[in-house]
N, C-alpha and C. Protein backbone atom coordinates (compact mmCIF):
# COMPACT_ATOMS: atom_id res chain seq x y z
N MET A 1 17.90 10.87 20.50
CA MET A 1 18.06 10.62 19.06
C MET A 1 18.01 9.12 18.78
N VAL A 2 17.30 8.74 17.73
CA VAL A 2 17.17 7.33 17.39
C VAL A 2 18.52 6.81 16.91
N SER A 3 18.91 5.66 17.45
CA SER A 3 20.20 5.10 17.10
C SER A 3 20.19 4.57 15.67
N LEU A 4 21.38 4.38 15.14
CA LEU A 4 21.52 3.85 13.78
C LEU A 4 20.95 2.44 13.70
N LEU A 5 21.10 1.67 14.75
CA LEU A 5 20.60 0.30 14.79
C LEU A 5 19.08 0.27 14.59
N VAL A 6 18.36 1.11 15.35
CA VAL A 6 16.90 1.15 15.25
C VAL A 6 16.46 1.76 13.93
N THR A 7 17.16 2.77 13.46
CA THR A 7 16.80 3.42 12.20
C THR A 7 16.85 2.44 11.04
N VAL A 8 17.92 1.67 10.96
CA VAL A 8 18.05 0.69 9.88
C VAL A 8 16.94 -0.36 9.96
N PHE A 9 16.63 -0.79 11.17
CA PHE A 9 15.58 -1.79 11.35
C PHE A 9 14.23 -1.25 10.88
N LEU A 10 13.89 -0.02 11.26
CA LEU A 10 12.61 0.56 10.87
C LEU A 10 12.52 0.76 9.36
N ILE A 11 13.61 1.22 8.76
CA ILE A 11 13.61 1.40 7.30
C ILE A 11 13.41 0.07 6.60
N GLN A 12 14.08 -0.96 7.09
CA GLN A 12 13.95 -2.28 6.47
C GLN A 12 12.55 -2.83 6.67
N LEU A 13 11.94 -2.55 7.81
CA LEU A 13 10.56 -3.00 8.06
C LEU A 13 9.59 -2.33 7.10
N VAL A 14 9.74 -1.02 6.89
CA VAL A 14 8.87 -0.30 5.96
C VAL A 14 9.06 -0.81 4.54
N CYS A 15 10.30 -1.05 4.15
CA CYS A 15 10.57 -1.60 2.81
C CYS A 15 9.90 -2.96 2.62
N HIS A 16 9.96 -3.79 3.66
CA HIS A 16 9.33 -5.11 3.57
C HIS A 16 7.82 -4.99 3.44
N LEU A 17 7.22 -4.08 4.19
CA LEU A 17 5.77 -3.89 4.11
C LEU A 17 5.35 -3.42 2.74
N ILE A 18 6.12 -2.51 2.16
CA ILE A 18 5.78 -2.00 0.83
C ILE A 18 5.91 -3.10 -0.21
N LEU A 19 6.97 -3.89 -0.12
CA LEU A 19 7.16 -4.97 -1.08
C LEU A 19 6.10 -6.06 -0.92
N THR A 20 5.67 -6.31 0.32
CA THR A 20 4.70 -7.38 0.57
C THR A 20 3.28 -6.95 0.22
N ILE A 21 2.89 -5.80 0.70
CA ILE A 21 1.53 -5.32 0.47
C ILE A 21 1.37 -4.78 -0.95
N GLY A 22 2.39 -4.12 -1.45
CA GLY A 22 2.33 -3.53 -2.77
C GLY A 22 2.30 -2.01 -2.70
N SER A 23 2.82 -1.38 -3.73
CA SER A 23 2.89 0.08 -3.74
C SER A 23 1.55 0.73 -4.05
N LYS A 24 0.68 0.02 -4.78
CA LYS A 24 -0.60 0.63 -5.16
C LYS A 24 -1.49 0.95 -3.96
N PRO A 25 -1.64 0.05 -2.98
CA PRO A 25 -2.45 0.43 -1.80
C PRO A 25 -1.89 1.64 -1.06
N PHE A 26 -0.56 1.76 -1.00
CA PHE A 26 0.03 2.92 -0.35
C PHE A 26 -0.28 4.19 -1.14
N ASN A 27 -0.17 4.10 -2.47
CA ASN A 27 -0.49 5.26 -3.30
C ASN A 27 -1.96 5.64 -3.19
N ASP A 28 -2.83 4.63 -3.12
CA ASP A 28 -4.27 4.91 -2.97
C ASP A 28 -4.56 5.62 -1.65
N LEU A 29 -3.91 5.15 -0.59
CA LEU A 29 -4.12 5.78 0.72
C LEU A 29 -3.61 7.22 0.71
N LEU A 30 -2.42 7.43 0.14
CA LEU A 30 -1.88 8.79 0.07
C LEU A 30 -2.74 9.69 -0.80
N TRP A 31 -3.30 9.13 -1.87
CA TRP A 31 -4.16 9.92 -2.75
C TRP A 31 -5.44 10.34 -2.03
N GLN A 32 -6.01 9.43 -1.24
CA GLN A 32 -7.22 9.77 -0.48
C GLN A 32 -6.92 10.88 0.54
N LEU A 33 -5.78 10.79 1.19
CA LEU A 33 -5.40 11.83 2.14
C LEU A 33 -5.12 13.15 1.42
N TYR A 34 -4.48 13.06 0.27
CA TYR A 34 -4.16 14.27 -0.49
C TYR A 34 -5.43 14.97 -0.98
N CYS A 35 -6.44 14.18 -1.35
CA CYS A 35 -7.68 14.77 -1.86
C CYS A 35 -8.48 15.47 -0.77
N ARG A 36 -8.20 15.16 0.47
CA ARG A 36 -8.89 15.84 1.58
C ARG A 36 -8.29 17.20 1.89
N LEU A 37 -7.13 17.47 1.34
CA LEU A 37 -6.48 18.75 1.58
C LEU A 37 -7.06 19.81 0.65
N PRO A 38 -6.99 21.08 1.03
CA PRO A 38 -7.58 22.15 0.20
C PRO A 38 -6.73 22.49 -1.02
N PHE A 39 -6.57 21.53 -1.91
CA PHE A 39 -5.81 21.75 -3.13
C PHE A 39 -6.75 21.72 -4.33
N GLN A 40 -6.20 22.02 -5.51
CA GLN A 40 -6.99 22.05 -6.73
C GLN A 40 -7.50 20.66 -7.09
N SER A 41 -6.71 19.64 -6.80
CA SER A 41 -7.12 18.26 -7.12
C SER A 41 -8.39 17.88 -6.36
N SER A 42 -8.49 18.32 -5.12
CA SER A 42 -9.69 18.02 -4.34
C SER A 42 -10.92 18.66 -4.98
N HIS A 43 -10.80 19.90 -5.42
CA HIS A 43 -11.91 20.58 -6.09
C HIS A 43 -12.26 19.88 -7.40
N ASP A 44 -11.25 19.43 -8.15
CA ASP A 44 -11.51 18.75 -9.42
C ASP A 44 -12.26 17.44 -9.20
N ILE A 45 -11.92 16.70 -8.16
CA ILE A 45 -12.60 15.43 -7.89
C ILE A 45 -14.05 15.68 -7.49
N GLN A 46 -14.28 16.68 -6.67
CA GLN A 46 -15.65 17.02 -6.29
C GLN A 46 -16.47 17.44 -7.51
N GLU A 47 -15.84 18.19 -8.40
CA GLU A 47 -16.54 18.61 -9.61
C GLU A 47 -16.82 17.41 -10.51
N GLN A 48 -15.89 16.46 -10.58
CA GLN A 48 -16.11 15.25 -11.38
C GLN A 48 -17.28 14.45 -10.82
N THR A 49 -17.37 14.34 -9.51
CA THR A 49 -18.48 13.61 -8.89
C THR A 49 -19.81 14.29 -9.18
N ARG A 50 -19.82 15.62 -9.10
CA ARG A 50 -21.05 16.35 -9.38
C ARG A 50 -21.49 16.17 -10.82
N LEU A 51 -20.54 16.23 -11.75
CA LEU A 51 -20.87 16.06 -13.16
C LEU A 51 -21.35 14.65 -13.46
N ARG A 52 -20.77 13.65 -12.78
CA ARG A 52 -21.22 12.28 -13.00
C ARG A 52 -22.67 12.10 -12.55
N ARG A 53 -23.01 12.68 -11.42
CA ARG A 53 -24.40 12.61 -10.94
C ARG A 53 -25.34 13.34 -11.90
N GLU A 54 -24.87 14.45 -12.44
CA GLU A 54 -25.69 15.21 -13.39
C GLU A 54 -25.93 14.41 -14.66
N VAL A 55 -24.91 13.74 -15.15
CA VAL A 55 -25.05 12.93 -16.37
C VAL A 55 -26.03 11.79 -16.13
N VAL A 56 -25.91 11.13 -14.97
CA VAL A 56 -26.81 10.02 -14.65
C VAL A 56 -28.26 10.52 -14.54
N ARG A 57 -28.45 11.66 -13.90
CA ARG A 57 -29.80 12.21 -13.74
C ARG A 57 -30.43 12.55 -15.09
N LEU A 58 -29.67 13.21 -15.95
CA LEU A 58 -30.19 13.56 -17.26
C LEU A 58 -30.46 12.33 -18.11
N LYS A 59 -29.63 11.30 -17.95
CA LYS A 59 -29.84 10.06 -18.70
C LYS A 59 -31.14 9.40 -18.29
N ARG A 60 -31.42 9.39 -16.99
CA ARG A 60 -32.67 8.80 -16.51
C ARG A 60 -33.87 9.59 -17.00
N GLU A 61 -33.80 10.92 -16.93
CA GLU A 61 -34.92 11.74 -17.39
C GLU A 61 -35.13 11.57 -18.89
N MET A 62 -34.04 11.44 -19.64
CA MET A 62 -34.17 11.27 -21.09
C MET A 62 -34.79 9.93 -21.43
N ASN A 63 -34.44 8.89 -20.67
CA ASN A 63 -35.03 7.57 -20.92
C ASN A 63 -36.50 7.51 -20.53
N ALA A 64 -36.89 8.37 -19.59
CA ALA A 64 -38.29 8.37 -19.16
C ALA A 64 -39.20 9.15 -20.11
N VAL A 65 -38.61 9.87 -21.06
CA VAL A 65 -39.40 10.66 -22.02
C VAL A 65 -39.39 9.96 -23.37
N SER A 66 -40.54 9.91 -23.99
CA SER A 66 -40.66 9.27 -25.31
C SER A 66 -40.13 10.21 -26.38
N ALA A 67 -39.23 9.69 -27.21
CA ALA A 67 -38.65 10.52 -28.26
C ALA A 67 -39.65 10.83 -29.36
N GLN A 68 -40.71 10.04 -29.48
CA GLN A 68 -41.71 10.26 -30.52
C GLN A 68 -42.83 11.18 -30.03
N ASP A 69 -43.29 10.94 -28.80
CA ASP A 69 -44.43 11.73 -28.30
C ASP A 69 -44.00 13.10 -27.80
N GLU A 70 -42.85 13.20 -27.19
CA GLU A 70 -42.37 14.47 -26.64
C GLU A 70 -40.97 14.74 -27.16
N PHE A 71 -40.89 14.91 -28.46
CA PHE A 71 -39.58 15.03 -29.09
C PHE A 71 -38.84 16.29 -28.65
N SER A 72 -39.54 17.40 -28.51
CA SER A 72 -38.88 18.66 -28.15
C SER A 72 -38.27 18.55 -26.74
N LYS A 73 -39.03 17.97 -25.81
CA LYS A 73 -38.50 17.80 -24.45
C LYS A 73 -37.33 16.83 -24.44
N TRP A 74 -37.50 15.74 -25.22
CA TRP A 74 -36.43 14.72 -25.29
C TRP A 74 -35.16 15.31 -25.91
N ALA A 75 -35.33 16.14 -26.97
CA ALA A 75 -34.17 16.75 -27.63
C ALA A 75 -33.45 17.73 -26.69
N LYS A 76 -34.24 18.46 -25.89
CA LYS A 76 -33.63 19.39 -24.94
C LYS A 76 -32.81 18.63 -23.88
N LEU A 77 -33.39 17.54 -23.38
CA LEU A 77 -32.66 16.72 -22.41
C LEU A 77 -31.42 16.09 -23.04
N ARG A 78 -31.53 15.73 -24.30
CA ARG A 78 -30.38 15.12 -24.99
C ARG A 78 -29.23 16.12 -25.12
N ARG A 79 -29.58 17.37 -25.47
CA ARG A 79 -28.54 18.40 -25.58
C ARG A 79 -27.88 18.65 -24.21
N GLN A 80 -28.69 18.72 -23.16
CA GLN A 80 -28.14 18.92 -21.82
C GLN A 80 -27.26 17.74 -21.41
N HIS A 81 -27.71 16.54 -21.75
CA HIS A 81 -26.95 15.34 -21.41
C HIS A 81 -25.60 15.31 -22.13
N ASP A 82 -25.60 15.61 -23.41
CA ASP A 82 -24.36 15.59 -24.18
C ASP A 82 -23.39 16.66 -23.69
N LYS A 83 -23.92 17.83 -23.34
CA LYS A 83 -23.07 18.90 -22.83
C LYS A 83 -22.45 18.52 -21.48
N ALA A 84 -23.27 17.93 -20.60
CA ALA A 84 -22.77 17.51 -19.29
C ALA A 84 -21.76 16.36 -19.44
N LEU A 85 -22.02 15.47 -20.38
CA LEU A 85 -21.12 14.34 -20.61
C LEU A 85 -19.77 14.83 -21.13
N GLU A 86 -19.80 15.83 -22.00
CA GLU A 86 -18.55 16.38 -22.52
C GLU A 86 -17.73 17.03 -21.39
N LYS A 87 -18.41 17.77 -20.52
CA LYS A 87 -17.71 18.38 -19.39
C LYS A 87 -17.14 17.32 -18.45
N TYR A 88 -17.93 16.25 -18.26
CA TYR A 88 -17.47 15.17 -17.38
C TYR A 88 -16.23 14.48 -17.94
N ASP A 89 -16.22 14.24 -19.23
CA ASP A 89 -15.06 13.60 -19.86
C ASP A 89 -13.81 14.45 -19.70
N LYS A 90 -13.94 15.76 -19.89
CA LYS A 90 -12.79 16.65 -19.72
C LYS A 90 -12.31 16.66 -18.27
N GLN A 91 -13.26 16.69 -17.34
CA GLN A 91 -12.90 16.71 -15.92
C GLN A 91 -12.26 15.39 -15.51
N ALA A 92 -12.78 14.28 -16.04
CA ALA A 92 -12.21 12.97 -15.72
C ALA A 92 -10.79 12.85 -16.26
N ALA A 93 -10.56 13.40 -17.45
CA ALA A 93 -9.21 13.37 -18.02
C ALA A 93 -8.24 14.19 -17.17
N ALA A 94 -8.70 15.33 -16.67
CA ALA A 94 -7.85 16.17 -15.82
C ALA A 94 -7.52 15.47 -14.50
N VAL A 95 -8.52 14.83 -13.90
CA VAL A 95 -8.29 14.10 -12.65
C VAL A 95 -7.36 12.92 -12.88
N SER A 96 -7.54 12.21 -13.98
CA SER A 96 -6.67 11.08 -14.29
C SER A 96 -5.22 11.52 -14.49
N SER A 97 -5.04 12.65 -15.17
CA SER A 97 -3.69 13.18 -15.36
C SER A 97 -3.06 13.59 -14.03
N ALA A 98 -3.87 14.21 -13.16
CA ALA A 98 -3.37 14.60 -11.84
C ALA A 98 -3.01 13.38 -11.01
N ARG A 99 -3.80 12.31 -11.12
CA ARG A 99 -3.52 11.09 -10.36
C ARG A 99 -2.23 10.43 -10.86
N THR A 100 -2.02 10.43 -12.17
CA THR A 100 -0.79 9.85 -12.72
C THR A 100 0.43 10.63 -12.24
N SER A 101 0.33 11.95 -12.28
CA SER A 101 1.43 12.78 -11.79
C SER A 101 1.67 12.55 -10.30
N PHE A 102 0.60 12.42 -9.54
CA PHE A 102 0.72 12.18 -8.10
C PHE A 102 1.39 10.84 -7.82
N ASP A 103 1.00 9.80 -8.56
CA ASP A 103 1.60 8.48 -8.36
C ASP A 103 3.10 8.51 -8.64
N THR A 104 3.49 9.24 -9.68
CA THR A 104 4.91 9.33 -10.01
C THR A 104 5.69 10.02 -8.89
N LYS A 105 5.15 11.13 -8.39
CA LYS A 105 5.82 11.85 -7.31
C LYS A 105 5.82 11.04 -6.02
N ALA A 106 4.70 10.37 -5.73
CA ALA A 106 4.62 9.57 -4.50
C ALA A 106 5.60 8.41 -4.54
N THR A 107 5.75 7.79 -5.71
CA THR A 107 6.71 6.69 -5.84
C THR A 107 8.13 7.18 -5.63
N ALA A 108 8.45 8.34 -6.21
CA ALA A 108 9.80 8.89 -6.05
C ALA A 108 10.07 9.27 -4.59
N ILE A 109 9.09 9.88 -3.93
CA ILE A 109 9.27 10.26 -2.53
C ILE A 109 9.38 9.02 -1.65
N ARG A 110 8.55 8.01 -1.93
CA ARG A 110 8.59 6.79 -1.13
C ARG A 110 9.93 6.08 -1.28
N TRP A 111 10.45 6.02 -2.49
CA TRP A 111 11.75 5.38 -2.71
C TRP A 111 12.85 6.17 -2.02
N THR A 112 12.78 7.50 -2.09
CA THR A 112 13.80 8.33 -1.45
C THR A 112 13.80 8.13 0.07
N CYS A 113 12.60 8.02 0.65
CA CYS A 113 12.50 7.89 2.11
C CYS A 113 12.78 6.47 2.61
N THR A 114 12.83 5.49 1.72
CA THR A 114 13.07 4.11 2.15
C THR A 114 14.38 3.59 1.56
N SER A 115 14.34 3.12 0.34
CA SER A 115 15.54 2.53 -0.26
C SER A 115 16.64 3.57 -0.46
N GLY A 116 16.27 4.76 -0.89
CA GLY A 116 17.28 5.80 -1.08
C GLY A 116 17.97 6.17 0.22
N LEU A 117 17.17 6.32 1.29
CA LEU A 117 17.74 6.62 2.60
C LEU A 117 18.60 5.48 3.10
N ARG A 118 18.18 4.25 2.84
CA ARG A 118 18.97 3.09 3.26
C ARG A 118 20.33 3.06 2.56
N PHE A 119 20.33 3.30 1.24
CA PHE A 119 21.61 3.32 0.51
C PHE A 119 22.50 4.46 0.99
N ALA A 120 21.89 5.61 1.28
CA ALA A 120 22.68 6.75 1.75
C ALA A 120 23.31 6.45 3.11
N LEU A 121 22.55 5.82 4.00
CA LEU A 121 23.09 5.46 5.31
C LEU A 121 24.21 4.43 5.18
N GLN A 122 24.02 3.48 4.29
CA GLN A 122 25.06 2.46 4.09
C GLN A 122 26.35 3.08 3.55
N PHE A 123 26.23 4.07 2.70
CA PHE A 123 27.42 4.72 2.16
C PHE A 123 28.06 5.64 3.20
N TRP A 124 27.23 6.41 3.92
CA TRP A 124 27.75 7.39 4.87
C TRP A 124 28.35 6.72 6.10
N HIS A 125 27.75 5.63 6.53
CA HIS A 125 28.21 4.95 7.75
C HIS A 125 28.89 3.62 7.42
N ALA A 126 29.57 3.58 6.29
CA ALA A 126 30.23 2.33 5.89
C ALA A 126 31.29 1.91 6.90
N LYS A 127 31.94 2.87 7.54
CA LYS A 127 32.99 2.57 8.51
C LYS A 127 32.51 2.67 9.96
N THR A 128 31.22 2.94 10.16
CA THR A 128 30.69 3.08 11.51
C THR A 128 30.05 1.78 11.96
N PRO A 129 30.51 1.17 13.05
CA PRO A 129 29.89 -0.06 13.53
C PRO A 129 28.51 0.21 14.13
N VAL A 130 27.55 -0.62 13.78
CA VAL A 130 26.22 -0.50 14.36
C VAL A 130 26.27 -0.82 15.85
N PHE A 131 26.99 -1.87 16.18
CA PHE A 131 27.32 -2.17 17.58
C PHE A 131 28.62 -2.97 17.58
N THR A 132 29.28 -3.01 18.72
CA THR A 132 30.59 -3.65 18.82
C THR A 132 30.53 -4.85 19.76
N TYR A 133 31.56 -5.66 19.69
CA TYR A 133 31.70 -6.83 20.56
C TYR A 133 33.19 -6.98 20.88
N PRO A 134 33.56 -7.65 21.95
CA PRO A 134 34.98 -7.78 22.32
C PRO A 134 35.77 -8.54 21.24
N ARG A 135 36.93 -8.03 20.92
CA ARG A 135 37.81 -8.69 19.97
C ARG A 135 38.20 -10.06 20.49
N GLY A 136 38.27 -11.02 19.58
CA GLY A 136 38.66 -12.37 19.94
C GLY A 136 37.51 -13.32 20.18
N TRP A 137 36.27 -12.80 20.14
CA TRP A 137 35.13 -13.69 20.32
C TRP A 137 34.97 -14.64 19.12
N PHE A 138 35.31 -14.17 17.95
CA PHE A 138 35.15 -14.97 16.74
C PHE A 138 36.49 -15.04 16.01
N PRO A 139 36.68 -16.03 15.14
CA PRO A 139 37.89 -16.06 14.30
C PRO A 139 37.95 -14.81 13.42
N TRP A 140 39.16 -14.54 12.90
CA TRP A 140 39.36 -13.30 12.17
C TRP A 140 38.48 -13.19 10.93
N TYR A 141 38.23 -14.36 10.26
CA TYR A 141 37.42 -14.30 9.04
C TYR A 141 35.95 -14.02 9.37
N ILE A 142 35.47 -14.48 10.54
CA ILE A 142 34.10 -14.14 10.96
C ILE A 142 34.00 -12.66 11.27
N GLU A 143 35.03 -12.12 11.93
CA GLU A 143 35.06 -10.68 12.23
C GLU A 143 35.10 -9.86 10.95
N TRP A 144 35.83 -10.37 9.97
CA TRP A 144 35.87 -9.66 8.68
C TRP A 144 34.51 -9.65 8.02
N LEU A 145 33.79 -10.80 8.08
CA LEU A 145 32.46 -10.87 7.49
C LEU A 145 31.48 -9.97 8.23
N LEU A 146 31.56 -9.92 9.55
CA LEU A 146 30.66 -9.07 10.33
C LEU A 146 30.91 -7.59 10.06
N GLY A 147 32.13 -7.24 9.70
CA GLY A 147 32.46 -5.85 9.42
C GLY A 147 32.47 -5.50 7.95
N PHE A 148 32.05 -6.43 7.09
CA PHE A 148 32.07 -6.19 5.64
C PHE A 148 31.19 -4.98 5.29
N PRO A 149 31.66 -4.07 4.42
CA PRO A 149 32.92 -4.14 3.67
C PRO A 149 34.08 -3.35 4.30
N ARG A 150 33.76 -2.28 5.08
CA ARG A 150 34.86 -1.42 5.54
C ARG A 150 34.80 -1.12 7.03
N CYS A 151 33.97 -1.83 7.77
CA CYS A 151 33.87 -1.59 9.20
C CYS A 151 35.08 -2.19 9.93
N PRO A 152 35.62 -1.53 10.94
CA PRO A 152 36.78 -2.07 11.66
C PRO A 152 36.45 -3.39 12.37
N TYR A 153 37.48 -4.17 12.63
CA TYR A 153 37.29 -5.43 13.35
C TYR A 153 36.73 -5.15 14.75
N GLY A 154 35.83 -6.02 15.17
CA GLY A 154 35.19 -5.84 16.47
C GLY A 154 33.87 -5.11 16.39
N GLY A 155 33.40 -4.85 15.18
CA GLY A 155 32.12 -4.16 15.01
C GLY A 155 31.31 -4.79 13.89
N VAL A 156 30.00 -4.63 13.95
CA VAL A 156 29.09 -5.13 12.92
C VAL A 156 28.74 -3.96 12.01
N SER A 157 28.96 -4.15 10.71
CA SER A 157 28.74 -3.06 9.76
C SER A 157 27.25 -2.88 9.50
N ILE A 158 26.92 -1.72 8.95
CA ILE A 158 25.52 -1.41 8.65
C ILE A 158 24.98 -2.31 7.54
N ASN A 159 25.86 -2.74 6.61
CA ASN A 159 25.42 -3.64 5.55
C ASN A 159 25.00 -5.00 6.11
N VAL A 160 25.83 -5.53 7.00
CA VAL A 160 25.51 -6.83 7.62
C VAL A 160 24.26 -6.72 8.48
N TRP A 161 24.13 -5.62 9.21
CA TRP A 161 22.95 -5.43 10.05
C TRP A 161 21.69 -5.29 9.20
N THR A 162 21.79 -4.66 8.04
CA THR A 162 20.64 -4.55 7.13
C THR A 162 20.19 -5.91 6.64
N VAL A 163 21.15 -6.75 6.24
CA VAL A 163 20.81 -8.10 5.78
C VAL A 163 20.19 -8.91 6.91
N ALA A 164 20.75 -8.77 8.12
CA ALA A 164 20.20 -9.49 9.27
C ALA A 164 18.77 -9.06 9.57
N CYS A 165 18.52 -7.76 9.53
CA CYS A 165 17.17 -7.24 9.78
C CYS A 165 16.19 -7.75 8.73
N ALA A 166 16.61 -7.72 7.46
CA ALA A 166 15.73 -8.19 6.38
C ALA A 166 15.39 -9.67 6.55
N THR A 167 16.39 -10.48 6.94
CA THR A 167 16.15 -11.90 7.13
C THR A 167 15.19 -12.17 8.28
N VAL A 168 15.43 -11.51 9.41
CA VAL A 168 14.57 -11.72 10.59
C VAL A 168 13.15 -11.24 10.32
N ILE A 169 13.01 -10.08 9.69
CA ILE A 169 11.67 -9.56 9.41
C ILE A 169 10.92 -10.49 8.48
N ALA A 170 11.59 -11.02 7.45
CA ALA A 170 10.93 -11.95 6.52
C ALA A 170 10.49 -13.23 7.23
N LEU A 171 11.35 -13.76 8.10
CA LEU A 171 11.01 -14.99 8.82
C LEU A 171 9.84 -14.77 9.78
N VAL A 172 9.90 -13.68 10.54
CA VAL A 172 8.81 -13.38 11.48
C VAL A 172 7.51 -13.13 10.73
N TRP A 173 7.58 -12.46 9.60
CA TRP A 173 6.38 -12.19 8.81
C TRP A 173 5.77 -13.49 8.31
N ASP A 174 6.60 -14.41 7.80
CA ASP A 174 6.09 -15.69 7.31
C ASP A 174 5.46 -16.50 8.44
N VAL A 175 6.09 -16.49 9.61
CA VAL A 175 5.53 -17.22 10.75
C VAL A 175 4.20 -16.61 11.18
N ALA A 176 4.14 -15.29 11.23
CA ALA A 176 2.90 -14.63 11.62
C ALA A 176 1.77 -14.93 10.63
N VAL A 177 2.07 -14.88 9.34
CA VAL A 177 1.06 -15.20 8.32
C VAL A 177 0.59 -16.64 8.45
N TYR A 178 1.52 -17.56 8.70
CA TYR A 178 1.16 -18.97 8.85
C TYR A 178 0.25 -19.17 10.06
N ILE A 179 0.58 -18.51 11.19
CA ILE A 179 -0.23 -18.65 12.40
C ILE A 179 -1.64 -18.11 12.17
N ILE A 180 -1.72 -16.96 11.50
CA ILE A 180 -3.04 -16.37 11.23
C ILE A 180 -3.87 -17.28 10.32
N GLN A 181 -3.25 -17.78 9.27
CA GLN A 181 -3.97 -18.68 8.36
C GLN A 181 -4.38 -19.97 9.06
N TYR A 182 -3.51 -20.49 9.92
CA TYR A 182 -3.83 -21.71 10.65
C TYR A 182 -5.00 -21.48 11.61
N ALA A 183 -4.99 -20.33 12.30
CA ALA A 183 -6.09 -20.01 13.22
C ALA A 183 -7.40 -19.84 12.46
N ARG A 184 -7.35 -19.19 11.30
CA ARG A 184 -8.56 -19.03 10.50
C ARG A 184 -9.06 -20.37 10.00
N GLY A 185 -8.12 -21.25 9.62
CA GLY A 185 -8.52 -22.58 9.16
C GLY A 185 -9.23 -23.37 10.24
N ILE A 186 -8.75 -23.24 11.48
CA ILE A 186 -9.41 -23.93 12.59
C ILE A 186 -10.81 -23.38 12.81
N GLN A 187 -10.96 -22.05 12.73
CA GLN A 187 -12.28 -21.45 12.91
C GLN A 187 -13.25 -21.89 11.83
N VAL A 188 -12.76 -21.94 10.58
CA VAL A 188 -13.64 -22.38 9.48
C VAL A 188 -14.02 -23.84 9.65
N ALA A 189 -13.05 -24.66 10.08
CA ALA A 189 -13.34 -26.08 10.27
C ALA A 189 -14.37 -26.30 11.37
N GLU A 190 -14.28 -25.51 12.44
CA GLU A 190 -15.24 -25.64 13.53
C GLU A 190 -16.64 -25.21 13.10
N LYS A 191 -16.70 -24.18 12.25
CA LYS A 191 -18.01 -23.72 11.78
C LYS A 191 -18.64 -24.73 10.83
N GLN A 192 -17.81 -25.47 10.11
CA GLN A 192 -18.32 -26.42 9.12
C GLN A 192 -18.57 -27.81 9.70
N LYS A 193 -18.32 -27.96 10.98
CA LYS A 193 -18.58 -29.26 11.60
C LYS A 193 -20.08 -29.57 11.57
N VAL A 194 -20.40 -30.78 11.21
CA VAL A 194 -21.79 -31.20 11.15
C VAL A 194 -22.14 -31.84 12.48
N ARG A 195 -23.01 -31.19 13.22
CA ARG A 195 -23.45 -31.71 14.51
C ARG A 195 -24.60 -32.69 14.32
N VAL A 196 -24.44 -33.85 14.89
CA VAL A 196 -25.49 -34.88 14.76
C VAL A 196 -26.61 -34.54 15.73
N PRO A 197 -27.82 -34.40 15.26
CA PRO A 197 -28.95 -34.09 16.16
C PRO A 197 -29.15 -35.19 17.20
N ALA A 198 -29.69 -34.81 18.35
CA ALA A 198 -29.93 -35.79 19.41
C ALA A 198 -30.95 -36.83 19.00
N SER A 199 -31.94 -36.45 18.20
CA SER A 199 -32.96 -37.40 17.76
C SER A 199 -32.38 -38.52 16.94
N VAL A 200 -31.34 -38.20 16.13
CA VAL A 200 -30.72 -39.24 15.32
C VAL A 200 -30.01 -40.26 16.20
N GLY A 201 -29.35 -39.74 17.27
CA GLY A 201 -28.67 -40.65 18.19
C GLY A 201 -29.65 -41.54 18.93
N GLU A 202 -30.83 -41.03 19.27
CA GLU A 202 -31.82 -41.84 19.98
C GLU A 202 -32.42 -42.91 19.08
N LYS A 203 -32.56 -42.62 17.77
CA LYS A 203 -33.11 -43.61 16.85
C LYS A 203 -32.15 -44.77 16.65
N ASN A 204 -30.84 -44.49 16.75
CA ASN A 204 -29.87 -45.55 16.49
C ASN A 204 -29.71 -46.47 17.70
N ARG A 205 -30.30 -46.11 18.84
CA ARG A 205 -30.19 -46.98 20.02
C ARG A 205 -31.09 -48.19 19.90
């Protein structure tokens, strides 16, 4: 069974990723996965794609026909185009409504599995030490801070451990981003270096 120490760290890591990257990319990824499942939304999206292609095809055929020389053919294509466009608009509205509902549910589930679970653990394990240390290692006020708010002396509370995890994850993330940006900057600088041709060096001799 995963210990409380590791569980809190993983939850805090996921929360940091969501806050840093943003909730929209997560919702987009979940929506793409959801659309691959055999649900009604997947069928609606496929139908929307088919109708969009049909509207584009009819629009091209209608533009290729002269409204003056072949009015009957052009009028027939126009009626087909308008009918397909109306169906597409209705289908697009249905898909948009389904996506809005999905985003709302996904946000609620994501919050429940991250921040909600974190708050529940902090409340349920308020008196449970994440890990302990020998009494007397620190002054009493340091022990009180490590056990804040209700953890017994000699133990680190889940609230303090959560703050510690959040701080370490943020620092490591910033360092990692800086290293990546620095490495990319070096690569770009090396690519932009202007190499002096050998002929130019020989002329200057």
